[in-house]
Amino acid sequence: MIQYLSILLDAKFNKDEERGATAVEYGLLVALIAAVIIATVVLLGDSISDAFRDTSTAVDNPPAAPAD
């Protein structure tokens, strides 16, 4: 009987350790994704800003329609 309880307790603790490991893995994955997003914004920030600025200018000042 004691051996059976020992096996049950070991299984429970192993399951808890796996949950903790899974949570850590998800945390690392979220941190990696955040780092990639931040790096992308830092590296491409000026290009993206210029593209939006050009688009905004084009929308604010559309070219004149050709005369028929």
C-alpha atoms as a PDB file:
ATOM      1  CA  MET A   1       0.000   0.000   0.000  1.00  0.00           C
ATOM      2  CA  ILE A   2       2.796   2.421   0.866  1.00  0.00           C
ATOM      3  CA  GLN A   3       4.526   1.634  -2.377  1.00  0.00           C
ATOM      4  CA  TYR A   4       1.274   2.436  -4.261  1.00  0.00           C
ATOM      5  CA  LEU A   5       0.981   5.813  -2.492  1.00  0.00           C
ATOM      6  CA  SER A   6       4.615   6.536  -3.272  1.00  0.00           C
ATOM      7  CA  ILE A   7       3.995   5.872  -6.959  1.00  0.00           C
ATOM      8  CA  LEU A   8       0.935   8.148  -6.942  1.00  0.00           C
ATOM      9  CA  LEU A   9       2.839  10.960  -5.238  1.00  0.00           C
ATOM     10  CA  ASP A  10       5.753  10.633  -7.644  1.00  0.00           C
ATOM     11  CA  ALA A  11       3.376  10.815 -10.591  1.00  0.00           C
ATOM     12  CA  LYS A  12       1.703  13.927  -9.162  1.00  0.00           C
ATOM     13  CA  PHE A  13       4.996  15.724  -8.573  1.00  0.00           C
ATOM     14  CA  ASN A  14       6.279  14.828 -12.035  1.00  0.00           C
ATOM     15  CA  LYS A  15       3.077  16.204 -13.545  1.00  0.00           C
ATOM     16  CA  ASP A  16       3.500  19.459 -11.587  1.00  0.00           C
ATOM     17  CA  GLU A  17       7.107  19.725 -12.770  1.00  0.00           C
ATOM     18  CA  GLU A  18       5.980  19.271 -16.378  1.00  0.00           C
ATOM     19  CA  ARG A  19       3.404  22.044 -15.970  1.00  0.00           C
ATOM     20  CA  GLY A  20       6.086  24.333 -14.588  1.00  0.00           C
ATOM     21  CA  ALA A  21       8.420  23.453 -17.434  1.00  0.00           C
ATOM     22  CA  THR A  22       5.675  24.119 -19.965  1.00  0.00           C
ATOM     23  CA  ALA A  23       4.958  27.508 -18.397  1.00  0.00           C
ATOM     24  CA  VAL A  24       8.645  28.406 -18.575  1.00  0.00           C
ATOM     25  CA  GLU A  25       8.807  27.305 -22.214  1.00  0.00           C
ATOM     26  CA  TYR A  26       5.803  29.477 -23.094  1.00  0.00           C
ATOM     27  CA  GLY A  27       7.375  32.385 -21.228  1.00  0.00           C
ATOM     28  CA  LEU A  28      10.602  32.003 -23.185  1.00  0.00           C
ATOM     29  CA  LEU A  29       8.649  31.814 -26.437  1.00  0.00           C
ATOM     30  CA  VAL A  30       6.778  35.031 -25.620  1.00  0.00           C
ATOM     31  CA  ALA A  31      10.057  36.744 -24.717  1.00  0.00           C
ATOM     32  CA  LEU A  32      11.628  35.614 -27.999  1.00  0.00           C
ATOM     33  CA  ILE A  33       8.673  36.895 -30.026  1.00  0.00           C
ATOM     34  CA  ALA A  34       8.789  40.227 -28.182  1.00  0.00           C
ATOM     35  CA  ALA A  35      12.529  40.528 -28.856  1.00  0.00           C
ATOM     36  CA  VAL A  36      12.002  39.875 -32.572  1.00  0.00           C
ATOM     37  CA  ILE A  37       9.239  42.492 -32.751  1.00  0.00           C
ATOM     38  CA  ILE A  38      11.364  45.072 -30.924  1.00  0.00           C
ATOM     39  CA  ALA A  39      14.383  44.359 -33.138  1.00  0.00           C
ATOM     40  CA  THR A  40      12.237  44.690 -36.257  1.00  0.00           C
ATOM     41  CA  VAL A  41      10.806  48.011 -35.136  1.00  0.00           C
ATOM     42  CA  VAL A  42      14.258  49.338 -34.240  1.00  0.00           C
ATOM     43  CA  LEU A  43      15.858  48.207 -37.500  1.00  0.00           C
ATOM     44  CA  LEU A  44      13.005  49.067 -39.855  1.00  0.00           C
ATOM     45  CA  GLY A  45      11.383  51.884 -37.908  1.00  0.00           C
ATOM     46  CA  ASP A  46      12.622  54.715 -40.142  1.00  0.00           C
ATOM     47  CA  SER A  47      11.664  52.897 -43.345  1.00  0.00           C
ATOM     48  CA  ILE A  48       8.193  52.125 -42.039  1.00  0.00           C
ATOM     49  CA  SER A  49       7.761  55.694 -40.826  1.00  0.00           C
ATOM     50  CA  ASP A  50       8.799  57.061 -44.241  1.00  0.00           C
ATOM     51  CA  ALA A  51       6.372  54.736 -46.016  1.00  0.00           C
ATOM     52  CA  PHE A  52       3.469  55.863 -43.827  1.00  0.00           C
ATOM     53  CA  ARG A  53       4.465  59.506 -44.236  1.00  0.00           C
ATOM     54  CA  ASP A  54       4.572  59.148 -48.045  1.00  0.00           C
ATOM     55  CA  THR A  55       1.200  57.406 -48.046  1.00  0.00           C
ATOM     56  CA  SER A  56      -0.317  60.089 -45.833  1.00  0.00           C
ATOM     57  CA  THR A  57       1.042  62.842 -48.088  1.00  0.00           C
ATOM     58  CA  ALA A  58      -0.347  61.108 -51.177  1.00  0.00           C
ATOM     59  CA  VAL A  59      -3.781  60.811 -49.570  1.00  0.00           C
ATOM     60  CA  ASP A  60      -3.771  64.448 -48.392  1.00  0.00           C
ATOM     61  CA  ASN A  61      -2.595  65.800 -51.774  1.00  0.00           C
ATOM     62  CA  PRO A  62      -3.929  63.542 -54.541  1.00  0.00           C
ATOM     63  CA  PRO A  63      -2.691  64.213 -58.053  1.00  0.00           C
ATOM     64  CA  ALA A  64      -5.034  66.140 -60.328  1.00  0.00           C
ATOM     65  CA  ALA A  65      -7.228  64.089 -62.637  1.00  0.00           C
ATOM     66  CA  PRO A  66      -6.148  64.202 -66.273  1.00  0.00           C
ATOM     67  CA  ALA A  67      -8.229  66.495 -68.463  1.00  0.00           C
ATOM     68  CA  ASP A  68     -10.127  64.816 -71.283  1.00  0.00           C
END
